[in-house]
Amino acid sequence: MSLLDTSVLVELLRRKKYEFASISVITLIEILRGVKAEKRERVKDLIERSFDVIGLDNRVVETYCDLYDRLRERGEMISDADLLIAATAISRGLTLRTSDKKHFERLKKYGLKLDLT
């Protein structure tokens, strides 16, 4: 199964297409912050019914901290949101589907499986 990055989910929503996959709670937050307040609850409900939303549990947090330390040592930091999404994929053994090669490509050496769209 795949974990969809925000960029992929946005494109699916725009094209009104569905794909069986999971998303990180971070992706859900990134989507909802761009939705008008009066539509937010309805969009949230639709996304939660359509995708397996993976929260921030101990495995994700520990993987995030390990990735953060490694990247900081090398001076290769990326945003916390992207790092949490990558940590979610790695901790669950999922392939991350994304169109954001720039940030995620460097995490392959730390176990991130990528499907670049």
C-alpha atoms as a PDB file:
ATOM      1  CA  MET A   1       0.000   0.000   0.000  1.00  0.00           C
ATOM      2  CA  SER A   2       1.039   3.603  -0.535  1.00  0.00           C
ATOM      3  CA  LEU A   3       1.154   6.659   1.653  1.00  0.00           C
ATOM      4  CA  LEU A   4       0.053   9.684  -0.367  1.00  0.00           C
ATOM      5  CA  ASP A   5       1.927  12.936   0.044  1.00  0.00           C
ATOM      6  CA  THR A   6      -0.095  16.132   0.127  1.00  0.00           C
ATOM      7  CA  SER A   7       0.835  17.015  -3.466  1.00  0.00           C
ATOM      8  CA  VAL A   8      -0.589  13.723  -4.750  1.00  0.00           C
ATOM      9  CA  LEU A   9      -3.752  13.966  -2.656  1.00  0.00           C
ATOM     10  CA  VAL A  10      -4.398  17.521  -3.859  1.00  0.00           C
ATOM     11  CA  GLU A  11      -4.107  16.355  -7.464  1.00  0.00           C
ATOM     12  CA  LEU A  12      -6.480  13.426  -6.866  1.00  0.00           C
ATOM     13  CA  LEU A  13      -9.024  15.761  -5.252  1.00  0.00           C
ATOM     14  CA  ARG A  14      -8.761  18.237  -8.135  1.00  0.00           C
ATOM     15  CA  ARG A  15      -9.330  15.479 -10.690  1.00  0.00           C
ATOM     16  CA  LYS A  16     -12.085  13.907  -8.545  1.00  0.00           C
ATOM     17  CA  LYS A  17     -10.277  10.570  -8.565  1.00  0.00           C
ATOM     18  CA  TYR A  18      -9.882   8.010  -5.811  1.00  0.00           C
ATOM     19  CA  GLU A  19      -7.044   5.700  -4.963  1.00  0.00           C
ATOM     20  CA  PHE A  20      -6.917   3.109  -2.200  1.00  0.00           C
ATOM     21  CA  ALA A  21      -4.140   4.414   0.057  1.00  0.00           C
ATOM     22  CA  SER A  22      -3.176   5.884   3.393  1.00  0.00           C
ATOM     23  CA  ILE A  23      -2.296   9.437   4.336  1.00  0.00           C
ATOM     24  CA  SER A  24      -0.501  10.964   7.290  1.00  0.00           C
ATOM     25  CA  VAL A  25      -2.427  13.128   9.715  1.00  0.00           C
ATOM     26  CA  ILE A  26       0.040  15.836   8.608  1.00  0.00           C
ATOM     27  CA  THR A  27      -1.337  15.597   5.061  1.00  0.00           C
ATOM     28  CA  LEU A  28      -4.864  15.881   6.440  1.00  0.00           C
ATOM     29  CA  ILE A  29      -3.851  19.053   8.312  1.00  0.00           C
ATOM     30  CA  GLU A  30      -2.142  20.532   5.242  1.00  0.00           C
ATOM     31  CA  ILE A  31      -5.273  19.908   3.154  1.00  0.00           C
ATOM     32  CA  LEU A  32      -7.699  21.280   5.759  1.00  0.00           C
ATOM     33  CA  ARG A  33      -5.791  24.492   6.384  1.00  0.00           C
ATOM     34  CA  GLY A  34      -6.498  25.421   2.764  1.00  0.00           C
ATOM     35  CA  VAL A  35     -10.243  24.758   3.028  1.00  0.00           C
ATOM     36  CA  LYS A  36     -12.709  27.485   3.981  1.00  0.00           C
ATOM     37  CA  ALA A  37     -13.929  27.132   7.569  1.00  0.00           C
ATOM     38  CA  GLU A  38     -17.543  26.463   6.574  1.00  0.00           C
ATOM     39  CA  LYS A  39     -16.487  23.475   4.393  1.00  0.00           C
ATOM     40  CA  ARG A  40     -13.713  22.121   6.610  1.00  0.00           C
ATOM     41  CA  GLU A  41     -15.783  19.642   8.642  1.00  0.00           C
ATOM     42  CA  ARG A  42     -17.380  18.131   5.535  1.00  0.00           C
ATOM     43  CA  VAL A  43     -14.036  17.812   3.714  1.00  0.00           C
ATOM     44  CA  LYS A  44     -12.397  16.311   6.816  1.00  0.00           C
ATOM     45  CA  ASP A  45     -15.155  13.714   7.113  1.00  0.00           C
ATOM     46  CA  LEU A  46     -14.885  12.801   3.433  1.00  0.00           C
ATOM     47  CA  ILE A  47     -11.101  12.376   3.589  1.00  0.00           C
ATOM     48  CA  GLU A  48     -11.262  10.331   6.803  1.00  0.00           C
ATOM     49  CA  ARG A  49     -13.855   8.008   5.269  1.00  0.00           C
ATOM     50  CA  SER A  50     -11.879   7.686   2.027  1.00  0.00           C
ATOM     51  CA  PHE A  51      -8.355   7.103   3.326  1.00  0.00           C
ATOM     52  CA  ASP A  52      -6.641   5.387   6.228  1.00  0.00           C
ATOM     53  CA  VAL A  53      -5.322   8.364   8.228  1.00  0.00           C
ATOM     54  CA  ILE A  54      -2.192   7.412  10.158  1.00  0.00           C
ATOM     55  CA  GLY A  55      -1.590   9.426  13.298  1.00  0.00           C
ATOM     56  CA  LEU A  56       1.565  10.327  15.172  1.00  0.00           C
ATOM     57  CA  ASP A  57       2.349   7.356  17.381  1.00  0.00           C
ATOM     58  CA  ASN A  58       5.608   6.319  19.058  1.00  0.00           C
ATOM     59  CA  ARG A  59       6.959   4.598  15.925  1.00  0.00           C
ATOM     60  CA  VAL A  60       6.461   7.721  13.831  1.00  0.00           C
ATOM     61  CA  VAL A  61       7.935   9.984  16.513  1.00  0.00           C
ATOM     62  CA  GLU A  62      11.014   7.784  17.005  1.00  0.00           C
ATOM     63  CA  THR A  63      11.589   7.523  13.253  1.00  0.00           C
ATOM     64  CA  TYR A  64      11.168  11.292  12.905  1.00  0.00           C
ATOM     65  CA  CYS A  65      13.750  11.946  15.644  1.00  0.00           C
ATOM     66  CA  ASP A  66      16.236   9.538  14.048  1.00  0.00           C
ATOM     67  CA  LEU A  67      15.793  11.175  10.623  1.00  0.00           C
ATOM     68  CA  TYR A  68      16.031  14.658  12.153  1.00  0.00           C
ATOM     69  CA  ASP A  69      19.326  13.823  13.878  1.00  0.00           C
ATOM     70  CA  ARG A  70      20.821  12.333  10.717  1.00  0.00           C
ATOM     71  CA  LEU A  71      19.790  15.253   8.530  1.00  0.00           C
ATOM     72  CA  ARG A  72      20.919  17.849  11.048  1.00  0.00           C
ATOM     73  CA  GLU A  73      24.367  16.213  11.264  1.00  0.00           C
ATOM     74  CA  ARG A  74      24.680  16.517   7.481  1.00  0.00           C
ATOM     75  CA  GLY A  75      23.170  20.005   7.215  1.00  0.00           C
ATOM     76  CA  GLU A  76      20.362  18.666   4.997  1.00  0.00           C
ATOM     77  CA  MET A  77      17.247  19.738   6.891  1.00  0.00           C
ATOM     78  CA  ILE A  78      13.765  19.597   5.382  1.00  0.00           C
ATOM     79  CA  SER A  79      10.485  20.902   6.796  1.00  0.00           C
ATOM     80  CA  ASP A  80       9.014  19.205   9.853  1.00  0.00           C
ATOM     81  CA  ALA A  81       5.823  18.427   7.936  1.00  0.00           C
ATOM     82  CA  ASP A  82       7.686  16.585   5.160  1.00  0.00           C
ATOM     83  CA  LEU A  83       9.905  14.841   7.693  1.00  0.00           C
ATOM     84  CA  LEU A  84       6.854  13.635   9.642  1.00  0.00           C
ATOM     85  CA  ILE A  85       5.229  12.353   6.445  1.00  0.00           C
ATOM     86  CA  ALA A  86       8.432  10.501   5.520  1.00  0.00           C
ATOM     87  CA  ALA A  87       8.721   9.106   9.069  1.00  0.00           C
ATOM     88  CA  THR A  88       5.158   7.825   8.810  1.00  0.00           C
ATOM     89  CA  ALA A  89       5.943   5.991   5.573  1.00  0.00           C
ATOM     90  CA  ILE A  90       9.207   4.516   6.864  1.00  0.00           C
ATOM     91  CA  SER A  91       7.761   3.420  10.219  1.00  0.00           C
ATOM     92  CA  ARG A  92       4.882   1.622   8.477  1.00  0.00           C
ATOM     93  CA  GLY A  93       6.902   0.151   5.588  1.00  0.00           C
ATOM     94  CA  LEU A  94       4.811   2.097   3.074  1.00  0.00           C
ATOM     95  CA  THR A  95       5.882   3.587  -0.239  1.00  0.00           C
ATOM     96  CA  LEU A  96       5.484   7.360  -0.338  1.00  0.00           C
ATOM     97  CA  ARG A  97       3.757   8.615  -3.504  1.00  0.00           C
ATOM     98  CA  THR A  98       4.836  12.186  -4.113  1.00  0.00           C
ATOM     99  CA  SER A  99       5.642  14.698  -6.809  1.00  0.00           C
ATOM    100  CA  ASP A 100       8.089  16.465  -4.468  1.00  0.00           C
ATOM    101  CA  LYS A 101      11.355  14.804  -5.465  1.00  0.00           C
ATOM    102  CA  LYS A 102      13.493  17.636  -4.058  1.00  0.00           C
ATOM    103  CA  HIS A 103      12.785  16.956  -0.379  1.00  0.00           C
ATOM    104  CA  PHE A 104      12.114  13.254  -0.292  1.00  0.00           C
ATOM    105  CA  GLU A 105      14.792  11.872  -2.624  1.00  0.00           C
ATOM    106  CA  ARG A 106      17.540  12.400  -0.016  1.00  0.00           C
ATOM    107  CA  LEU A 107      15.634  10.234   2.484  1.00  0.00           C
ATOM    108  CA  LYS A 108      15.900   7.096   0.365  1.00  0.00           C
ATOM    109  CA  LYS A 109      19.260   6.288   1.964  1.00  0.00           C
ATOM    110  CA  TYR A 110      17.441   6.189   5.334  1.00  0.00           C
ATOM    111  CA  GLY A 111      14.848   3.662   4.194  1.00  0.00           C
ATOM    112  CA  LEU A 112      12.193   5.765   2.460  1.00  0.00           C
ATOM    113  CA  LYS A 113      10.612   3.985  -0.497  1.00  0.00           C
ATOM    114  CA  LEU A 114       9.459   6.464  -3.132  1.00  0.00           C
ATOM    115  CA  ASP A 115       7.024   6.413  -6.017  1.00  0.00           C
ATOM    116  CA  LEU A 116       7.572   9.705  -7.832  1.00  0.00           C
ATOM    117  CA  THR A 117       4.609  10.868  -9.891  1.00  0.00           C
END
